[in-house]
C-alpha atoms as a PDB file:
ATOM      1  CA  UNK A   1       4.352  11.963  -9.331  1.00  0.00           C
ATOM      2  CA  UNK A   2       2.802   8.532  -8.750  1.00  0.00           C
ATOM      3  CA  UNK A   3       1.719   6.580 -11.815  1.00  0.00           C
ATOM      4  CA  UNK A   4      -2.025   5.888 -11.523  1.00  0.00           C
ATOM      5  CA  UNK A   5      -1.910   2.806 -13.780  1.00  0.00           C
ATOM      6  CA  UNK A   6       0.976   1.105 -11.937  1.00  0.00           C
ATOM      7  CA  UNK A   7       0.100  -2.316 -10.459  1.00  0.00           C
ATOM      8  CA  UNK A   8       0.807  -1.838  -6.745  1.00  0.00           C
ATOM      9  CA  UNK A   9       2.066  -4.807  -4.747  1.00  0.00           C
ATOM     10  CA  UNK A  10       3.968  -5.940  -1.663  1.00  0.00           C
ATOM     11  CA  UNK A  11       7.579  -7.134  -1.590  1.00  0.00           C
ATOM     12  CA  UNK A  12      10.066  -7.873   1.169  1.00  0.00           C
ATOM     13  CA  UNK A  13      12.800  -5.254   1.553  1.00  0.00           C
ATOM     14  CA  UNK A  14      16.088  -6.969   2.494  1.00  0.00           C
ATOM     15  CA  UNK A  15      17.703  -3.677   3.518  1.00  0.00           C
ATOM     16  CA  UNK A  16      15.081  -2.677   6.119  1.00  0.00           C
ATOM     17  CA  UNK A  17      14.040  -6.280   6.885  1.00  0.00           C
ATOM     18  CA  UNK A  18      10.365  -5.293   6.566  1.00  0.00           C
ATOM     19  CA  UNK A  19       7.712  -5.632   3.914  1.00  0.00           C
ATOM     20  CA  UNK A  20       7.126  -2.702   1.577  1.00  0.00           C
ATOM     21  CA  UNK A  21       4.047  -1.516  -0.301  1.00  0.00           C
ATOM     22  CA  UNK A  22       5.424  -0.686  -3.763  1.00  0.00           C
ATOM     23  CA  UNK A  23       3.483   2.189  -5.362  1.00  0.00           C
ATOM     24  CA  UNK A  24       5.646   3.099  -8.369  1.00  0.00           C
ATOM     25  CA  UNK A  25       8.929   2.267 -10.057  1.00  0.00           C
ATOM     26  CA  UNK A  26      11.664   3.798 -12.130  1.00  0.00           C
ATOM     27  CA  UNK A  27      14.171   1.958 -14.265  1.00  0.00           C
ATOM     28  CA  UNK A  28      16.369   0.992 -11.283  1.00  0.00           C
ATOM     29  CA  UNK A  29      14.354   1.710  -8.143  1.00  0.00           C
ATOM     30  CA  UNK A  30      10.993   1.392  -6.392  1.00  0.00           C
ATOM     31  CA  UNK A  31       8.917   4.041  -4.585  1.00  0.00           C
ATOM     32  CA  UNK A  32       7.314   2.485  -1.533  1.00  0.00           C
ATOM     33  CA  UNK A  33       5.717   2.835   1.888  1.00  0.00           C
ATOM     34  CA  UNK A  34       7.151   0.637   4.615  1.00  0.00           C
ATOM     35  CA  UNK A  35       5.031  -1.820   6.596  1.00  0.00           C
ATOM     36  CA  UNK A  36       5.782  -2.552  10.240  1.00  0.00           C
ATOM     37  CA  UNK A  37       4.373  -3.844  13.542  1.00  0.00           C
ATOM     38  CA  UNK A  38       5.512  -0.748  15.442  1.00  0.00           C
ATOM     39  CA  UNK A  39       3.133   2.166  16.183  1.00  0.00           C
ATOM     40  CA  UNK A  40       6.024   4.672  15.843  1.00  0.00           C
ATOM     41  CA  UNK A  41       9.009   5.052  13.532  1.00  0.00           C
ATOM     42  CA  UNK A  42      11.659   7.693  14.284  1.00  0.00           C
ATOM     43  CA  UNK A  43       9.281   9.252  16.886  1.00  0.00           C
ATOM     44  CA  UNK A  44       6.545   9.701  14.225  1.00  0.00           C
ATOM     45  CA  UNK A  45       3.190   7.939  14.423  1.00  0.00           C
ATOM     46  CA  UNK A  46       2.489   5.251  11.853  1.00  0.00           C
ATOM     47  CA  UNK A  47      -0.975   4.713  10.364  1.00  0.00           C
ATOM     48  CA  UNK A  48      -2.727   1.687  11.889  1.00  0.00           C
ATOM     49  CA  UNK A  49      -4.012  -1.098   9.662  1.00  0.00           C
ATOM     50  CA  UNK A  50      -5.914  -4.311  10.363  1.00  0.00           C
ATOM     51  CA  UNK A  51      -4.158  -7.352  11.865  1.00  0.00           C
ATOM     52  CA  UNK A  52      -1.914  -5.252  14.163  1.00  0.00           C
ATOM     53  CA  UNK A  53       0.078  -3.793  11.260  1.00  0.00           C
ATOM     54  CA  UNK A  54       1.073  -0.213  10.517  1.00  0.00           C
ATOM     55  CA  UNK A  55       2.086   1.648   7.385  1.00  0.00           C
ATOM     56  CA  UNK A  56       4.833   4.248   7.629  1.00  0.00           C
ATOM     57  CA  UNK A  57       3.444   7.487   6.083  1.00  0.00           C
ATOM     58  CA  UNK A  58       6.736   8.365   4.419  1.00  0.00           C
ATOM     59  CA  UNK A  59       7.377   7.751   0.730  1.00  0.00           C
ATOM     60  CA  UNK A  60      10.783   6.095   0.294  1.00  0.00           C
ATOM     61  CA  UNK A  61      12.916   5.049  -2.643  1.00  0.00           C
ATOM     62  CA  UNK A  62      15.313   2.105  -2.868  1.00  0.00           C
ATOM     63  CA  UNK A  63      17.182   0.094  -5.465  1.00  0.00           C
ATOM     64  CA  UNK A  64      15.261  -2.821  -7.003  1.00  0.00           C
ATOM     65  CA  UNK A  65      18.035  -5.225  -5.979  1.00  0.00           C
ATOM     66  CA  UNK A  66      17.026  -4.740  -2.314  1.00  0.00           C
ATOM     67  CA  UNK A  67      13.624  -6.394  -2.827  1.00  0.00           C
ATOM     68  CA  UNK A  68      12.299  -9.922  -3.110  1.00  0.00           C
ATOM     69  CA  UNK A  69       9.835 -11.170  -5.691  1.00  0.00           C
ATOM     70  CA  UNK A  70       6.178 -10.156  -5.360  1.00  0.00           C
ATOM     71  CA  UNK A  71       4.511 -11.618  -2.244  1.00  0.00           C
ATOM     72  CA  UNK A  72       1.128 -12.733  -3.564  1.00  0.00           C
ATOM     73  CA  UNK A  73       0.020 -14.086  -0.191  1.00  0.00           C
ATOM     74  CA  UNK A  74       0.453 -10.643   1.439  1.00  0.00           C
ATOM     75  CA  UNK A  75      -2.555  -8.394   0.902  1.00  0.00           C
ATOM     76  CA  UNK A  76      -4.397  -5.590   2.633  1.00  0.00           C
ATOM     77  CA  UNK A  77      -7.844  -6.238   4.093  1.00  0.00           C
ATOM     78  CA  UNK A  78     -10.973  -4.564   2.754  1.00  0.00           C
ATOM     79  CA  UNK A  79     -11.059  -2.258   5.788  1.00  0.00           C
ATOM     80  CA  UNK A  80      -7.556  -1.013   4.923  1.00  0.00           C
ATOM     81  CA  UNK A  81      -8.712   0.214   1.489  1.00  0.00           C
ATOM     82  CA  UNK A  82      -9.843   3.725   2.486  1.00  0.00           C
ATOM     83  CA  UNK A  83      -6.688   4.254   4.556  1.00  0.00           C
ATOM     84  CA  UNK A  84      -4.457   3.260   1.642  1.00  0.00           C
ATOM     85  CA  UNK A  85      -6.417   5.412  -0.837  1.00  0.00           C
ATOM     86  CA  UNK A  86      -6.135   8.467   1.455  1.00  0.00           C
ATOM     87  CA  UNK A  87      -2.396   7.933   1.811  1.00  0.00           C
ATOM     88  CA  UNK A  88      -1.947   7.618  -1.961  1.00  0.00           C
ATOM     89  CA  UNK A  89      -4.006  10.793  -2.583  1.00  0.00           C
ATOM     90  CA  UNK A  90      -1.749  12.681  -0.193  1.00  0.00           C
ATOM     91  CA  UNK A  91       1.391  11.647  -2.092  1.00  0.00           C
ATOM     92  CA  UNK A  92      -0.094  11.587  -5.622  1.00  0.00           C
ATOM     93  CA  UNK A  93       1.375  14.917  -6.768  1.00  0.00           C
ATOM     94  CA  UNK A  94       4.741  14.653  -5.057  1.00  0.00           C
END
């Protein structure tokens, strides 16, 4: 279950070599959605965002050591807000 009060942010994932939208954390790992420039990942459609970016609609988990520090210059646009909220609602109770 996703923590509603968790401060969500973006970090670079060294393992996948893509940015990740971190939505929750445990003691040793992060729950995240991957960000990419590709419209498909593993033959599944990704959700389009502004600025020719896509978010992979698959909740993943990885060790905290695989991530960089918080990327404060990376943010979603205002138009991406409803898309992100819908995605989080879908995965809220999982």
